[in-house]
Amino acid sequence: MCRILGVSRAQYYRYRSPKPSKRRAKDVDLKQRILRIFAEFKQRYGVMKIHHELNLELQPLQRRCSPRRISRLMKELDI
């Protein structure tokens, strides 16, 4: 069947059972945290202040996040 469709087996099985990448899963978590921080500070915080608060929150987990990534996620959330 793959030969007829002109795709490799790997592409076929990837299409058949897609699972989100690690980065997408982390983005979902970060979006929830960003929304919570944004609401907590009465929707006044911008990218840099959210970046600071978020990195304070992620520090015990030994994770970091760049302001550029936060900006991208905020644009996706329309905030």
N, C-alpha and C. Protein backbone atom coordinates (compact mmCIF):
# COMPACT_ATOMS: atom_id res chain seq x y z
N MET A 1 0.82 -1.18 0.00
CA MET A 1 0.00 0.00 0.00
C MET A 1 0.87 1.26 0.00
N CYS A 2 1.98 1.23 0.76
CA CYS A 2 2.86 2.39 0.81
C CYS A 2 3.46 2.69 -0.56
N ARG A 3 3.78 1.63 -1.30
CA ARG A 3 4.33 1.81 -2.64
C ARG A 3 3.33 2.52 -3.55
N ILE A 4 2.07 2.13 -3.44
CA ILE A 4 1.03 2.73 -4.28
C ILE A 4 0.85 4.20 -3.94
N LEU A 5 0.87 4.50 -2.64
CA LEU A 5 0.70 5.89 -2.20
C LEU A 5 1.96 6.72 -2.40
N GLY A 6 3.09 6.06 -2.54
CA GLY A 6 4.34 6.77 -2.74
C GLY A 6 4.91 7.37 -1.47
N VAL A 7 4.66 6.72 -0.33
CA VAL A 7 5.21 7.19 0.94
C VAL A 7 5.99 6.07 1.61
N SER A 8 6.86 6.43 2.51
CA SER A 8 7.63 5.41 3.23
C SER A 8 6.77 4.85 4.36
N ARG A 9 7.19 3.72 4.88
CA ARG A 9 6.46 3.10 5.99
C ARG A 9 6.46 4.01 7.22
N ALA A 10 7.59 4.64 7.47
CA ALA A 10 7.70 5.51 8.64
C ALA A 10 6.69 6.66 8.56
N GLN A 11 6.57 7.27 7.39
CA GLN A 11 5.61 8.35 7.21
C GLN A 11 4.18 7.86 7.40
N TYR A 12 3.89 6.68 6.90
CA TYR A 12 2.55 6.12 7.02
C TYR A 12 2.19 5.91 8.48
N TYR A 13 3.07 5.27 9.24
CA TYR A 13 2.78 5.00 10.64
C TYR A 13 2.79 6.26 11.49
N ARG A 14 3.60 7.23 11.14
CA ARG A 14 3.61 8.51 11.85
C ARG A 14 2.28 9.23 11.63
N TYR A 15 1.77 9.14 10.39
CA TYR A 15 0.49 9.76 10.08
C TYR A 15 -0.65 9.02 10.79
N ARG A 16 -0.55 7.72 10.87
CA ARG A 16 -1.61 6.90 11.44
C ARG A 16 -1.77 7.11 12.95
N SER A 17 -0.70 7.27 13.64
CA SER A 17 -0.79 7.48 15.09
C SER A 17 0.09 8.64 15.52
N PRO A 18 -0.36 9.85 15.25
CA PRO A 18 0.48 11.00 15.61
C PRO A 18 0.47 11.22 17.12
N LYS A 19 1.62 11.53 17.65
CA LYS A 19 1.71 11.92 19.05
C LYS A 19 2.48 13.23 19.10
N PRO A 20 2.11 14.10 20.02
CA PRO A 20 2.78 15.40 20.06
C PRO A 20 4.25 15.26 20.45
N SER A 21 5.04 16.13 19.90
CA SER A 21 6.46 16.12 20.23
C SER A 21 6.67 16.62 21.66
N LYS A 22 7.87 16.43 22.17
CA LYS A 22 8.18 16.87 23.53
C LYS A 22 8.04 18.39 23.63
N ARG A 23 8.47 19.07 22.58
CA ARG A 23 8.39 20.53 22.59
C ARG A 23 6.94 21.01 22.63
N ARG A 24 6.06 20.37 21.86
CA ARG A 24 4.64 20.74 21.87
C ARG A 24 4.03 20.49 23.24
N ALA A 25 4.40 19.38 23.87
CA ALA A 25 3.88 19.07 25.20
C ALA A 25 4.35 20.12 26.22
N LYS A 26 5.60 20.54 26.11
CA LYS A 26 6.12 21.57 27.01
C LYS A 26 5.45 22.91 26.73
N ASP A 27 5.16 23.19 25.45
CA ASP A 27 4.48 24.43 25.09
C ASP A 27 3.09 24.49 25.73
N VAL A 28 2.39 23.38 25.76
CA VAL A 28 1.06 23.34 26.38
C VAL A 28 1.18 23.68 27.86
N ASP A 29 2.17 23.10 28.53
CA ASP A 29 2.40 23.38 29.95
C ASP A 29 2.75 24.85 30.16
N LEU A 30 3.63 25.38 29.32
CA LEU A 30 4.03 26.78 29.45
C LEU A 30 2.87 27.72 29.20
N LYS A 31 2.01 27.39 28.24
CA LYS A 31 0.85 28.23 27.96
C LYS A 31 -0.07 28.32 29.18
N GLN A 32 -0.27 27.21 29.86
CA GLN A 32 -1.10 27.22 31.07
C GLN A 32 -0.47 28.09 32.15
N ARG A 33 0.84 27.97 32.30
CA ARG A 33 1.54 28.77 33.31
C ARG A 33 1.49 30.25 32.95
N ILE A 34 1.67 30.57 31.67
CA ILE A 34 1.62 31.97 31.21
C ILE A 34 0.24 32.55 31.47
N LEU A 35 -0.81 31.83 31.13
CA LEU A 35 -2.17 32.33 31.37
C LEU A 35 -2.42 32.56 32.85
N ARG A 36 -1.93 31.66 33.70
CA ARG A 36 -2.12 31.82 35.14
C ARG A 36 -1.40 33.05 35.66
N ILE A 37 -0.15 33.23 35.24
CA ILE A 37 0.63 34.40 35.66
C ILE A 37 -0.01 35.68 35.15
N PHE A 38 -0.44 35.66 33.89
CA PHE A 38 -1.07 36.84 33.28
C PHE A 38 -2.33 37.23 34.06
N ALA A 39 -3.15 36.25 34.42
CA ALA A 39 -4.37 36.53 35.18
C ALA A 39 -4.06 36.94 36.61
N GLU A 40 -3.05 36.33 37.19
CA GLU A 40 -2.68 36.61 38.58
C GLU A 40 -2.26 38.07 38.77
N PHE A 41 -1.62 38.64 37.78
CA PHE A 41 -1.17 40.02 37.86
C PHE A 41 -2.07 40.97 37.08
N LYS A 42 -3.35 40.64 37.06
CA LYS A 42 -4.41 41.49 36.51
C LYS A 42 -4.17 41.89 35.06
N GLN A 43 -3.62 41.01 34.27
CA GLN A 43 -3.40 41.19 32.83
C GLN A 43 -2.56 42.42 32.51
N ARG A 44 -1.60 42.71 33.37
CA ARG A 44 -0.75 43.88 33.16
C ARG A 44 0.67 43.52 32.77
N TYR A 45 1.06 42.29 33.01
CA TYR A 45 2.44 41.90 32.76
C TYR A 45 2.68 41.64 31.28
N GLY A 46 3.83 42.08 30.82
CA GLY A 46 4.26 41.83 29.45
C GLY A 46 5.23 40.66 29.41
N VAL A 47 5.89 40.53 28.28
CA VAL A 47 6.77 39.38 28.05
C VAL A 47 7.90 39.31 29.08
N MET A 48 8.57 40.41 29.33
CA MET A 48 9.74 40.37 30.21
C MET A 48 9.38 40.06 31.65
N LYS A 49 8.28 40.62 32.15
CA LYS A 49 7.89 40.32 33.52
C LYS A 49 7.38 38.90 33.65
N ILE A 50 6.64 38.43 32.65
CA ILE A 50 6.19 37.04 32.67
C ILE A 50 7.40 36.12 32.58
N HIS A 51 8.39 36.48 31.76
CA HIS A 51 9.63 35.70 31.65
C HIS A 51 10.29 35.57 33.02
N HIS A 52 10.38 36.68 33.74
CA HIS A 52 11.01 36.66 35.06
C HIS A 52 10.24 35.75 36.03
N GLU A 53 8.93 35.94 36.10
CA GLU A 53 8.10 35.13 37.01
C GLU A 53 8.14 33.65 36.63
N LEU A 54 8.08 33.38 35.35
CA LEU A 54 8.07 32.00 34.88
C LEU A 54 9.39 31.30 35.19
N ASN A 55 10.50 31.99 34.99
CA ASN A 55 11.79 31.38 35.29
C ASN A 55 11.99 31.17 36.78
N LEU A 56 11.41 32.04 37.61
CA LEU A 56 11.46 31.80 39.06
C LEU A 56 10.68 30.53 39.41
N GLU A 57 9.58 30.34 38.71
CA GLU A 57 8.73 29.16 38.94
C GLU A 57 9.40 27.88 38.42
N LEU A 58 10.11 27.98 37.30
CA LEU A 58 10.72 26.81 36.68
C LEU A 58 12.09 26.47 37.26
N GLN A 59 12.68 27.38 38.02
CA GLN A 59 14.02 27.17 38.55
C GLN A 59 14.14 25.89 39.39
N PRO A 60 13.21 25.59 40.30
CA PRO A 60 13.34 24.33 41.06
C PRO A 60 13.25 23.09 40.17
N LEU A 61 12.60 23.21 39.02
CA LEU A 61 12.49 22.09 38.08
C LEU A 61 13.69 22.00 37.15
N GLN A 62 14.64 22.92 37.32
CA GLN A 62 15.84 23.02 36.48
C GLN A 62 15.48 23.19 35.01
N ARG A 63 14.51 24.04 34.76
CA ARG A 63 14.11 24.37 33.39
C ARG A 63 14.18 25.88 33.23
N ARG A 64 14.35 26.32 32.00
CA ARG A 64 14.37 27.74 31.68
C ARG A 64 13.56 27.97 30.42
N CYS A 65 13.23 29.21 30.19
CA CYS A 65 12.46 29.55 29.00
C CYS A 65 12.91 30.93 28.53
N SER A 66 13.09 31.08 27.24
CA SER A 66 13.56 32.35 26.71
C SER A 66 12.40 33.33 26.51
N PRO A 67 12.70 34.62 26.54
CA PRO A 67 11.65 35.62 26.30
C PRO A 67 11.03 35.48 24.90
N ARG A 68 11.84 35.08 23.96
CA ARG A 68 11.33 34.93 22.59
C ARG A 68 10.28 33.81 22.50
N ARG A 69 10.51 32.72 23.21
CA ARG A 69 9.54 31.62 23.22
C ARG A 69 8.26 32.05 23.92
N ILE A 70 8.40 32.79 25.02
CA ILE A 70 7.23 33.29 25.74
C ILE A 70 6.44 34.24 24.86
N SER A 71 7.14 35.08 24.12
CA SER A 71 6.48 35.99 23.20
C SER A 71 5.68 35.23 22.14
N ARG A 72 6.28 34.19 21.60
CA ARG A 72 5.59 33.37 20.58
C ARG A 72 4.35 32.73 21.17
N LEU A 73 4.47 32.18 22.38
CA LEU A 73 3.33 31.53 23.02
C LEU A 73 2.24 32.53 23.37
N MET A 74 2.63 33.72 23.79
CA MET A 74 1.64 34.76 24.09
C MET A 74 0.89 35.18 22.83
N LYS A 75 1.59 35.24 21.71
CA LYS A 75 0.92 35.58 20.44
C LYS A 75 -0.07 34.50 20.06
N GLU A 76 0.30 33.24 20.30
CA GLU A 76 -0.61 32.14 20.02
C GLU A 76 -1.84 32.21 20.90
N LEU A 77 -1.68 32.71 22.13
CA LEU A 77 -2.79 32.84 23.07
C LEU A 77 -3.57 34.14 22.88
N ASP A 78 -3.10 35.01 21.99
CA ASP A 78 -3.70 36.32 21.74
C ASP A 78 -3.73 37.21 22.99
N ILE A 79 -2.60 37.21 23.72
CA ILE A 79 -2.50 38.13 24.87
C ILE A 79 -1.25 38.96 24.72
